[in-house]
Amino acid sequence: MSKLSWVSAMMFGAAVGSAITMVVDPVDDKRRKKLHKNVGVMAKTVTGVLDAVMDMKR
């Protein structure tokens, strides 16, 4: 298994785990808004890291 596929599998697992946790443990509106903001920041960071990894592979 290459490092890129391992990283992709870890990101996918984290996303699926987060989704399951949110379904099982619902949150109030204030926490949901804060979580939504943090997820947006995290998504931008992860996207930046994945872009950097893809550029290093080229």
C-alpha atoms as a PDB file:
ATOM      1  CA  MET A   1       0.000   0.000   0.000  1.00  0.00           C
ATOM      2  CA  SER A   2       1.498   3.344  -0.976  1.00  0.00           C
ATOM      3  CA  LYS A   3       1.750   6.239   1.439  1.00  0.00           C
ATOM      4  CA  LEU A   4      -0.760   8.282  -0.541  1.00  0.00           C
ATOM      5  CA  SER A   5      -3.418   5.590  -0.382  1.00  0.00           C
ATOM      6  CA  TRP A   6      -2.718   5.137   3.334  1.00  0.00           C
ATOM      7  CA  VAL A   7      -3.187   8.867   3.951  1.00  0.00           C
ATOM      8  CA  SER A   8      -6.358   8.835   1.879  1.00  0.00           C
ATOM      9  CA  ALA A   9      -7.690   5.872   3.858  1.00  0.00           C
ATOM     10  CA  MET A  10      -6.941   7.649   7.141  1.00  0.00           C
ATOM     11  CA  MET A  11      -8.738  10.819   5.966  1.00  0.00           C
ATOM     12  CA  PHE A  12     -11.721   8.780   4.804  1.00  0.00           C
ATOM     13  CA  GLY A  13     -11.848   6.907   8.102  1.00  0.00           C
ATOM     14  CA  ALA A  14     -11.730  10.149  10.063  1.00  0.00           C
ATOM     15  CA  ALA A  15     -14.561  11.624   7.985  1.00  0.00           C
ATOM     16  CA  VAL A  16     -16.730   8.518   8.364  1.00  0.00           C
ATOM     17  CA  GLY A  17     -16.008   8.350  12.095  1.00  0.00           C
ATOM     18  CA  SER A  18     -16.943  12.003  12.528  1.00  0.00           C
ATOM     19  CA  ALA A  19     -20.183  11.532  10.621  1.00  0.00           C
ATOM     20  CA  ILE A  20     -21.155   8.503  12.704  1.00  0.00           C
ATOM     21  CA  THR A  21     -20.354  10.355  15.918  1.00  0.00           C
ATOM     22  CA  MET A  22     -22.496  13.317  14.868  1.00  0.00           C
ATOM     23  CA  VAL A  23     -25.441  11.031  14.060  1.00  0.00           C
ATOM     24  CA  VAL A  24     -25.160   9.063  17.297  1.00  0.00           C
ATOM     25  CA  ASP A  25     -24.523  12.103  19.539  1.00  0.00           C
ATOM     26  CA  PRO A  26     -26.619  15.061  18.341  1.00  0.00           C
ATOM     27  CA  VAL A  27     -25.479  18.509  19.466  1.00  0.00           C
ATOM     28  CA  ASP A  28     -27.279  21.753  20.258  1.00  0.00           C
ATOM     29  CA  ASP A  29     -27.348  24.690  17.828  1.00  0.00           C
ATOM     30  CA  LYS A  30     -24.478  26.628  19.410  1.00  0.00           C
ATOM     31  CA  ARG A  31     -22.114  23.655  19.328  1.00  0.00           C
ATOM     32  CA  ARG A  32     -23.277  22.731  15.803  1.00  0.00           C
ATOM     33  CA  LYS A  33     -22.384  26.207  14.478  1.00  0.00           C
ATOM     34  CA  LYS A  34     -18.972  26.092  16.159  1.00  0.00           C
ATOM     35  CA  LEU A  35     -18.349  22.581  14.826  1.00  0.00           C
ATOM     36  CA  HIS A  36     -19.400  23.625  11.328  1.00  0.00           C
ATOM     37  CA  LYS A  37     -16.922  26.526  11.414  1.00  0.00           C
ATOM     38  CA  ASN A  38     -14.111  24.274  12.675  1.00  0.00           C
ATOM     39  CA  VAL A  39     -14.858  21.610  10.067  1.00  0.00           C
ATOM     40  CA  GLY A  40     -14.567  24.251   7.338  1.00  0.00           C
ATOM     41  CA  VAL A  41     -11.143  25.289   8.601  1.00  0.00           C
ATOM     42  CA  MET A  42     -10.063  21.659   8.930  1.00  0.00           C
ATOM     43  CA  ALA A  43     -11.277  20.874   5.400  1.00  0.00           C
ATOM     44  CA  LYS A  44      -9.200  23.736   3.994  1.00  0.00           C
ATOM     45  CA  THR A  45      -6.143  22.502   5.899  1.00  0.00           C
ATOM     46  CA  VAL A  46      -6.597  18.899   4.764  1.00  0.00           C
ATOM     47  CA  THR A  47      -7.109  20.032   1.173  1.00  0.00           C
ATOM     48  CA  GLY A  48      -3.912  22.065   1.356  1.00  0.00           C
ATOM     49  CA  VAL A  49      -1.956  19.124   2.727  1.00  0.00           C
ATOM     50  CA  LEU A  50      -3.320  16.751   0.075  1.00  0.00           C
ATOM     51  CA  ASP A  51      -2.446  19.253  -2.665  1.00  0.00           C
ATOM     52  CA  ALA A  52       1.089  19.499  -1.317  1.00  0.00           C
ATOM     53  CA  VAL A  53       1.415  15.705  -1.204  1.00  0.00           C
ATOM     54  CA  MET A  54       0.144  15.396  -4.781  1.00  0.00           C
ATOM     55  CA  ASP A  55       2.607  18.063  -5.937  1.00  0.00           C
ATOM     56  CA  MET A  56       5.477  16.214  -4.239  1.00  0.00           C
ATOM     57  CA  LYS A  57       4.532  13.035  -6.114  1.00  0.00           C
ATOM     58  CA  ARG A  58       4.934  14.771  -9.473  1.00  0.00           C
END
